[in-house]
Amino acid sequence: MEMEMKSIYERIGGDESIRSIVNTFYPKVYENDELSPLFKGDMAEIKRKQWMFLTQLTGGGPIYSEEFGPPNMRARHMLFEITPRRARAWLKLMEETLAETGLLETEGGIALFERLRQIAPIMINRQ
């Protein structure tokens, strides 16, 4: 019996779900006292980059790398003061977003959150 391995991207519902995550997540970030100071500039462009990153992270194709090169998110975020507290706040908002979009109730959404839980502490660059 051959088992088909679907990507997280496929398991969460592809582009529609990624866009739903991004569109639900960023208003929360901009309203959050801990995180909003890190997010200056055009929300539309920040959302576009996050959409590209999450698409690539979940197996939906290398669209982030095609435009910006390898993600290397830790290096890209070194300019920003990411403390343990901010990493926890980011992860909490992402968990709320996945719950609100119904994805946290799915196997694919749980897999995505686990991946993000692994990434968040790696981003910390200040105590």
C-alpha atoms as a PDB file:
ATOM      1  CA  MET A   1       0.000   0.000   0.000  1.00  0.00           C
ATOM      2  CA  GLU A   2       1.455   3.319  -1.069  1.00  0.00           C
ATOM      3  CA  MET A   3       0.807   6.227   1.252  1.00  0.00           C
ATOM      4  CA  GLU A   4       0.386   9.628  -0.336  1.00  0.00           C
ATOM      5  CA  MET A   5       2.125  12.342   1.653  1.00  0.00           C
ATOM      6  CA  LYS A   6       0.315  15.633   1.329  1.00  0.00           C
ATOM      7  CA  SER A   7       2.036  18.878   2.235  1.00  0.00           C
ATOM      8  CA  ILE A   8       0.744  21.027   5.076  1.00  0.00           C
ATOM      9  CA  TYR A   9      -0.246  23.478   2.325  1.00  0.00           C
ATOM     10  CA  GLU A  10      -2.564  20.878   0.775  1.00  0.00           C
ATOM     11  CA  ARG A  11      -3.833  19.641   4.145  1.00  0.00           C
ATOM     12  CA  ILE A  12      -4.921  23.110   5.301  1.00  0.00           C
ATOM     13  CA  GLY A  13      -6.644  24.008   2.036  1.00  0.00           C
ATOM     14  CA  GLY A  14      -3.947  25.772   0.041  1.00  0.00           C
ATOM     15  CA  ASP A  15      -3.903  29.422  -0.953  1.00  0.00           C
ATOM     16  CA  GLU A  16      -7.344  30.267   0.417  1.00  0.00           C
ATOM     17  CA  SER A  17      -6.313  29.166   3.916  1.00  0.00           C
ATOM     18  CA  ILE A  18      -2.923  30.899   3.777  1.00  0.00           C
ATOM     19  CA  ARG A  19      -4.628  34.157   2.773  1.00  0.00           C
ATOM     20  CA  SER A  20      -7.186  33.707   5.547  1.00  0.00           C
ATOM     21  CA  ILE A  21      -4.374  33.246   8.097  1.00  0.00           C
ATOM     22  CA  VAL A  22      -2.532  36.358   6.907  1.00  0.00           C
ATOM     23  CA  ASN A  23      -5.675  38.513   6.724  1.00  0.00           C
ATOM     24  CA  THR A  24      -6.771  37.446  10.216  1.00  0.00           C
ATOM     25  CA  PHE A  25      -3.309  37.644  11.791  1.00  0.00           C
ATOM     26  CA  TYR A  26      -1.998  41.080  10.816  1.00  0.00           C
ATOM     27  CA  PRO A  27      -4.807  43.240  12.214  1.00  0.00           C
ATOM     28  CA  LYS A  28      -4.124  41.474  15.552  1.00  0.00           C
ATOM     29  CA  VAL A  29      -0.399  42.224  15.266  1.00  0.00           C
ATOM     30  CA  TYR A  30      -0.957  45.906  14.507  1.00  0.00           C
ATOM     31  CA  GLU A  31      -3.286  46.179  17.548  1.00  0.00           C
ATOM     32  CA  ASN A  32      -0.873  44.372  19.893  1.00  0.00           C
ATOM     33  CA  ASP A  33       1.147  46.686  22.169  1.00  0.00           C
ATOM     34  CA  GLU A  34       4.072  44.248  22.326  1.00  0.00           C
ATOM     35  CA  LEU A  35       4.322  43.596  18.569  1.00  0.00           C
ATOM     36  CA  SER A  36       3.049  46.691  16.794  1.00  0.00           C
ATOM     37  CA  PRO A  37       6.313  48.654  17.279  1.00  0.00           C
ATOM     38  CA  LEU A  38       8.049  46.032  15.105  1.00  0.00           C
ATOM     39  CA  PHE A  39       5.655  46.439  12.190  1.00  0.00           C
ATOM     40  CA  LYS A  40       6.173  49.749  10.467  1.00  0.00           C
ATOM     41  CA  GLY A  41       5.282  50.440   6.892  1.00  0.00           C
ATOM     42  CA  ASP A  42       2.763  49.115   4.442  1.00  0.00           C
ATOM     43  CA  MET A  43       0.617  46.357   5.947  1.00  0.00           C
ATOM     44  CA  ALA A  44      -0.271  45.141   2.446  1.00  0.00           C
ATOM     45  CA  GLU A  45       3.401  44.504   1.636  1.00  0.00           C
ATOM     46  CA  ILE A  46       4.049  42.837   5.004  1.00  0.00           C
ATOM     47  CA  LYS A  47       1.011  40.603   4.411  1.00  0.00           C
ATOM     48  CA  ARG A  48       2.218  39.778   0.900  1.00  0.00           C
ATOM     49  CA  LYS A  49       5.621  38.663   2.211  1.00  0.00           C
ATOM     50  CA  GLN A  50       4.016  36.615   4.995  1.00  0.00           C
ATOM     51  CA  TRP A  51       1.678  34.988   2.455  1.00  0.00           C
ATOM     52  CA  MET A  52       4.706  34.067   0.315  1.00  0.00           C
ATOM     53  CA  PHE A  53       6.666  32.790   3.322  1.00  0.00           C
ATOM     54  CA  LEU A  54       3.802  30.680   4.716  1.00  0.00           C
ATOM     55  CA  THR A  55       3.073  29.288   1.260  1.00  0.00           C
ATOM     56  CA  GLN A  56       6.698  28.178   0.954  1.00  0.00           C
ATOM     57  CA  LEU A  57       6.955  26.983   4.575  1.00  0.00           C
ATOM     58  CA  THR A  58       3.927  24.748   4.168  1.00  0.00           C
ATOM     59  CA  GLY A  59       4.999  23.231   0.850  1.00  0.00           C
ATOM     60  CA  GLY A  60       3.053  25.381  -1.591  1.00  0.00           C
ATOM     61  CA  GLY A  61       6.058  26.219  -3.749  1.00  0.00           C
ATOM     62  CA  PRO A  62       9.233  28.319  -3.421  1.00  0.00           C
ATOM     63  CA  ILE A  63       7.560  31.653  -4.143  1.00  0.00           C
ATOM     64  CA  TYR A  64       9.322  33.494  -1.310  1.00  0.00           C
ATOM     65  CA  SER A  65      12.779  32.308  -2.392  1.00  0.00           C
ATOM     66  CA  GLU A  66      12.076  33.112  -6.029  1.00  0.00           C
ATOM     67  CA  GLU A  67      11.598  36.798  -5.150  1.00  0.00           C
ATOM     68  CA  PHE A  68      13.791  37.306  -2.076  1.00  0.00           C
ATOM     69  CA  GLY A  69      16.255  34.409  -1.978  1.00  0.00           C
ATOM     70  CA  PRO A  70      16.428  31.842   0.836  1.00  0.00           C
ATOM     71  CA  PRO A  71      14.104  32.768   3.720  1.00  0.00           C
ATOM     72  CA  ASN A  72      16.787  32.746   6.476  1.00  0.00           C
ATOM     73  CA  MET A  73      14.209  34.402   8.721  1.00  0.00           C
ATOM     74  CA  ARG A  74      16.458  34.792  11.755  1.00  0.00           C
ATOM     75  CA  ALA A  75      18.973  36.868   9.780  1.00  0.00           C
ATOM     76  CA  ARG A  76      16.194  38.885   8.107  1.00  0.00           C
ATOM     77  CA  HIS A  77      14.765  39.787  11.513  1.00  0.00           C
ATOM     78  CA  MET A  78      18.029  40.756  13.244  1.00  0.00           C
ATOM     79  CA  LEU A  79      17.220  44.449  12.746  1.00  0.00           C
ATOM     80  CA  PHE A  80      14.167  44.007  14.952  1.00  0.00           C
ATOM     81  CA  GLU A  81      14.264  43.577  18.708  1.00  0.00           C
ATOM     82  CA  ILE A  82      12.693  40.150  19.167  1.00  0.00           C
ATOM     83  CA  THR A  83      12.572  39.256  22.851  1.00  0.00           C
ATOM     84  CA  PRO A  84      11.253  36.036  24.403  1.00  0.00           C
ATOM     85  CA  ARG A  85       8.125  37.974  25.374  1.00  0.00           C
ATOM     86  CA  ARG A  86       7.571  39.176  21.798  1.00  0.00           C
ATOM     87  CA  ALA A  87       8.129  35.684  20.412  1.00  0.00           C
ATOM     88  CA  ARG A  88       5.483  34.345  22.819  1.00  0.00           C
ATOM     89  CA  ALA A  89       3.080  37.173  21.876  1.00  0.00           C
ATOM     90  CA  TRP A  90       3.566  36.430  18.162  1.00  0.00           C
ATOM     91  CA  LEU A  91       2.943  32.734  18.704  1.00  0.00           C
ATOM     92  CA  LYS A  92      -0.149  33.402  20.842  1.00  0.00           C
ATOM     93  CA  LEU A  93      -1.648  35.595  18.106  1.00  0.00           C
ATOM     94  CA  MET A  94      -0.855  32.949  15.499  1.00  0.00           C
ATOM     95  CA  GLU A  95      -2.551  30.312  17.676  1.00  0.00           C
ATOM     96  CA  GLU A  96      -5.620  32.581  18.030  1.00  0.00           C
ATOM     97  CA  THR A  97      -5.610  33.105  14.262  1.00  0.00           C
ATOM     98  CA  LEU A  98      -5.476  29.385  13.525  1.00  0.00           C
ATOM     99  CA  ALA A  99      -8.291  28.801  16.014  1.00  0.00           C
ATOM    100  CA  GLU A 100     -10.438  31.600  14.524  1.00  0.00           C
ATOM    101  CA  THR A 101      -9.942  30.329  10.981  1.00  0.00           C
ATOM    102  CA  GLY A 102     -10.902  26.809  12.091  1.00  0.00           C
ATOM    103  CA  LEU A 103      -7.507  25.434  11.120  1.00  0.00           C
ATOM    104  CA  LEU A 104      -6.421  24.516  14.647  1.00  0.00           C
ATOM    105  CA  GLU A 105      -9.124  21.849  14.583  1.00  0.00           C
ATOM    106  CA  THR A 106      -7.498  20.168  11.578  1.00  0.00           C
ATOM    107  CA  GLU A 107      -4.500  17.879  11.338  1.00  0.00           C
ATOM    108  CA  GLY A 108      -2.851  20.244   8.848  1.00  0.00           C
ATOM    109  CA  GLY A 109      -3.431  23.279  11.054  1.00  0.00           C
ATOM    110  CA  ILE A 110      -1.967  21.479  14.053  1.00  0.00           C
ATOM    111  CA  ALA A 111       1.079  20.545  11.958  1.00  0.00           C
ATOM    112  CA  LEU A 112       1.483  24.176  10.882  1.00  0.00           C
ATOM    113  CA  PHE A 113       1.251  25.428  14.464  1.00  0.00           C
ATOM    114  CA  GLU A 114       3.860  22.886  15.560  1.00  0.00           C
ATOM    115  CA  ARG A 115       6.194  24.170  12.856  1.00  0.00           C
ATOM    116  CA  LEU A 116       5.609  27.774  13.986  1.00  0.00           C
ATOM    117  CA  ARG A 117       6.212  26.764  17.617  1.00  0.00           C
ATOM    118  CA  GLN A 118       9.637  25.526  16.535  1.00  0.00           C
ATOM    119  CA  ILE A 119      10.404  28.722  14.584  1.00  0.00           C
ATOM    120  CA  ALA A 120       9.348  31.315  17.206  1.00  0.00           C
ATOM    121  CA  PRO A 121      12.194  30.667  19.718  1.00  0.00           C
ATOM    122  CA  ILE A 122      14.782  30.670  16.920  1.00  0.00           C
ATOM    123  CA  MET A 123      13.769  34.260  16.105  1.00  0.00           C
ATOM    124  CA  ILE A 124      14.686  35.590  19.553  1.00  0.00           C
ATOM    125  CA  ASN A 125      17.701  37.902  19.228  1.00  0.00           C
ATOM    126  CA  ARG A 126      17.530  40.040  22.402  1.00  0.00           C
ATOM    127  CA  GLN A 127      16.857  39.201  26.034  1.00  0.00           C
END
